[in-house]
């Protein structure tokens, strides 16, 4: 069986390529992005070339490129698969709005 899913390394390189493309669209040089992100120019260069960087540095780069909103969804709980699963999940405390008088 052939596995067509991208490898871990392919995914990292694709993320880095999108970040580089966004940097270029924003008209930033690597040094400018590094300064905005609070990382070294070598970090930007390595990330764009290989896709490797710490999660903190990737978040810093994404924030500097105004592309950090997707991190909000990272590790988000999936929707319920069944009613039983929904009932098994911890309850969310609901509050009512105050009555109008």
C-alpha atoms as a PDB file:
ATOM      1  CA  UNK A   1       0.000   0.000   0.000  1.00  0.00           C
ATOM      2  CA  UNK A   2       1.291   3.439  -0.949  1.00  0.00           C
ATOM      3  CA  UNK A   3       1.095   6.134   1.696  1.00  0.00           C
ATOM      4  CA  UNK A   4       0.430   9.486   0.012  1.00  0.00           C
ATOM      5  CA  UNK A   5       0.384  11.527   3.206  1.00  0.00           C
ATOM      6  CA  UNK A   6       3.177  14.069   3.437  1.00  0.00           C
ATOM      7  CA  UNK A   7       6.045  13.194   5.718  1.00  0.00           C
ATOM      8  CA  UNK A   8       6.774  15.194   8.841  1.00  0.00           C
ATOM      9  CA  UNK A   9       9.720  16.846   7.064  1.00  0.00           C
ATOM     10  CA  UNK A  10       7.554  17.680   4.029  1.00  0.00           C
ATOM     11  CA  UNK A  11       5.016  19.374   6.282  1.00  0.00           C
ATOM     12  CA  UNK A  12       7.707  21.443   8.010  1.00  0.00           C
ATOM     13  CA  UNK A  13       9.157  22.535   4.676  1.00  0.00           C
ATOM     14  CA  UNK A  14       5.702  23.472   3.369  1.00  0.00           C
ATOM     15  CA  UNK A  15       5.033  25.614   6.457  1.00  0.00           C
ATOM     16  CA  UNK A  16       8.408  27.298   6.029  1.00  0.00           C
ATOM     17  CA  UNK A  17       7.756  27.930   2.326  1.00  0.00           C
ATOM     18  CA  UNK A  18       4.414  29.565   3.148  1.00  0.00           C
ATOM     19  CA  UNK A  19       6.086  31.717   5.813  1.00  0.00           C
ATOM     20  CA  UNK A  20       8.760  32.812   3.345  1.00  0.00           C
ATOM     21  CA  UNK A  21       6.131  33.603   0.730  1.00  0.00           C
ATOM     22  CA  UNK A  22       4.178  35.670   3.262  1.00  0.00           C
ATOM     23  CA  UNK A  23       7.361  37.502   4.278  1.00  0.00           C
ATOM     24  CA  UNK A  24       7.988  38.385   0.639  1.00  0.00           C
ATOM     25  CA  UNK A  25       4.364  39.486   0.126  1.00  0.00           C
ATOM     26  CA  UNK A  26       4.745  41.737   3.185  1.00  0.00           C
ATOM     27  CA  UNK A  27       7.921  43.193   1.615  1.00  0.00           C
ATOM     28  CA  UNK A  28      10.173  42.217   4.521  1.00  0.00           C
ATOM     29  CA  UNK A  29      13.798  41.170   4.404  1.00  0.00           C
ATOM     30  CA  UNK A  30      14.911  38.339   6.669  1.00  0.00           C
ATOM     31  CA  UNK A  31      16.661  40.843   8.942  1.00  0.00           C
ATOM     32  CA  UNK A  32      13.486  42.918   9.294  1.00  0.00           C
ATOM     33  CA  UNK A  33      11.382  39.863  10.114  1.00  0.00           C
ATOM     34  CA  UNK A  34      13.999  38.695  12.613  1.00  0.00           C
ATOM     35  CA  UNK A  35      13.902  42.068  14.372  1.00  0.00           C
ATOM     36  CA  UNK A  36      10.090  42.084  14.506  1.00  0.00           C
ATOM     37  CA  UNK A  37       9.981  38.484  15.735  1.00  0.00           C
ATOM     38  CA  UNK A  38      12.757  38.919  18.297  1.00  0.00           C
ATOM     39  CA  UNK A  39      14.859  36.102  16.838  1.00  0.00           C
ATOM     40  CA  UNK A  40      18.178  35.983  15.041  1.00  0.00           C
ATOM     41  CA  UNK A  41      18.532  36.302  11.284  1.00  0.00           C
ATOM     42  CA  UNK A  42      20.104  32.839  11.267  1.00  0.00           C
ATOM     43  CA  UNK A  43      16.891  31.462  12.813  1.00  0.00           C
ATOM     44  CA  UNK A  44      14.807  32.960   9.988  1.00  0.00           C
ATOM     45  CA  UNK A  45      17.253  31.697   7.373  1.00  0.00           C
ATOM     46  CA  UNK A  46      17.332  28.174   8.827  1.00  0.00           C
ATOM     47  CA  UNK A  47      13.560  28.056   9.222  1.00  0.00           C
ATOM     48  CA  UNK A  48      12.921  29.156   5.638  1.00  0.00           C
ATOM     49  CA  UNK A  49      15.534  26.761   4.264  1.00  0.00           C
ATOM     50  CA  UNK A  50      14.806  23.623   6.316  1.00  0.00           C
ATOM     51  CA  UNK A  51      11.563  24.225   8.186  1.00  0.00           C
ATOM     52  CA  UNK A  52      13.255  23.632  11.524  1.00  0.00           C
ATOM     53  CA  UNK A  53      12.771  25.997  14.456  1.00  0.00           C
ATOM     54  CA  UNK A  54      11.453  25.733  17.976  1.00  0.00           C
ATOM     55  CA  UNK A  55       7.707  26.060  18.407  1.00  0.00           C
ATOM     56  CA  UNK A  56       8.331  29.309  20.283  1.00  0.00           C
ATOM     57  CA  UNK A  57      10.293  30.751  17.371  1.00  0.00           C
ATOM     58  CA  UNK A  58       7.690  29.607  14.845  1.00  0.00           C
ATOM     59  CA  UNK A  59       5.023  31.351  16.927  1.00  0.00           C
ATOM     60  CA  UNK A  60       7.186  34.484  17.115  1.00  0.00           C
ATOM     61  CA  UNK A  61       7.640  34.444  13.326  1.00  0.00           C
ATOM     62  CA  UNK A  62       3.930  33.830  12.747  1.00  0.00           C
ATOM     63  CA  UNK A  63       3.033  36.698  15.093  1.00  0.00           C
ATOM     64  CA  UNK A  64       5.443  39.047  13.326  1.00  0.00           C
ATOM     65  CA  UNK A  65       3.825  38.075  10.007  1.00  0.00           C
ATOM     66  CA  UNK A  66       0.336  38.517  11.512  1.00  0.00           C
ATOM     67  CA  UNK A  67      -0.391  34.848  10.827  1.00  0.00           C
ATOM     68  CA  UNK A  68      -0.706  33.562  14.383  1.00  0.00           C
ATOM     69  CA  UNK A  69      -4.490  33.103  14.492  1.00  0.00           C
ATOM     70  CA  UNK A  70      -4.194  29.459  13.440  1.00  0.00           C
ATOM     71  CA  UNK A  71      -2.347  28.679  16.658  1.00  0.00           C
ATOM     72  CA  UNK A  72      -5.648  29.253  18.471  1.00  0.00           C
ATOM     73  CA  UNK A  73      -6.997  26.100  16.827  1.00  0.00           C
ATOM     74  CA  UNK A  74      -3.914  23.949  17.420  1.00  0.00           C
ATOM     75  CA  UNK A  75      -4.872  20.992  19.654  1.00  0.00           C
ATOM     76  CA  UNK A  76      -8.503  22.104  19.687  1.00  0.00           C
ATOM     77  CA  UNK A  77     -10.868  19.379  20.843  1.00  0.00           C
ATOM     78  CA  UNK A  78     -12.634  17.722  17.917  1.00  0.00           C
ATOM     79  CA  UNK A  79     -16.411  17.981  17.601  1.00  0.00           C
ATOM     80  CA  UNK A  80     -18.503  15.274  19.163  1.00  0.00           C
ATOM     81  CA  UNK A  81     -18.593  11.997  17.255  1.00  0.00           C
ATOM     82  CA  UNK A  82     -21.794  10.822  18.934  1.00  0.00           C
ATOM     83  CA  UNK A  83     -24.423  11.807  21.475  1.00  0.00           C
ATOM     84  CA  UNK A  84     -22.830   9.442  23.998  1.00  0.00           C
ATOM     85  CA  UNK A  85     -19.518  11.229  23.555  1.00  0.00           C
ATOM     86  CA  UNK A  86     -21.177  14.631  24.014  1.00  0.00           C
ATOM     87  CA  UNK A  87     -22.819  13.460  27.233  1.00  0.00           C
ATOM     88  CA  UNK A  88     -19.540  12.028  28.512  1.00  0.00           C
ATOM     89  CA  UNK A  89     -17.665  15.319  28.123  1.00  0.00           C
ATOM     90  CA  UNK A  90     -17.411  17.648  31.125  1.00  0.00           C
ATOM     91  CA  UNK A  91     -20.269  20.087  31.447  1.00  0.00           C
ATOM     92  CA  UNK A  92     -19.820  23.679  30.471  1.00  0.00           C
ATOM     93  CA  UNK A  93     -21.233  26.050  33.041  1.00  0.00           C
ATOM     94  CA  UNK A  94     -23.881  28.204  31.427  1.00  0.00           C
ATOM     95  CA  UNK A  95     -25.111  31.496  32.768  1.00  0.00           C
ATOM     96  CA  UNK A  96     -28.247  33.357  31.899  1.00  0.00           C
ATOM     97  CA  UNK A  97     -28.301  36.994  30.995  1.00  0.00           C
ATOM     98  CA  UNK A  98     -29.822  39.234  33.673  1.00  0.00           C
ATOM     99  CA  UNK A  99     -33.579  39.832  33.388  1.00  0.00           C
ATOM    100  CA  UNK A 100     -34.723  43.072  31.943  1.00  0.00           C
ATOM    101  CA  UNK A 101     -36.832  45.165  34.275  1.00  0.00           C
END
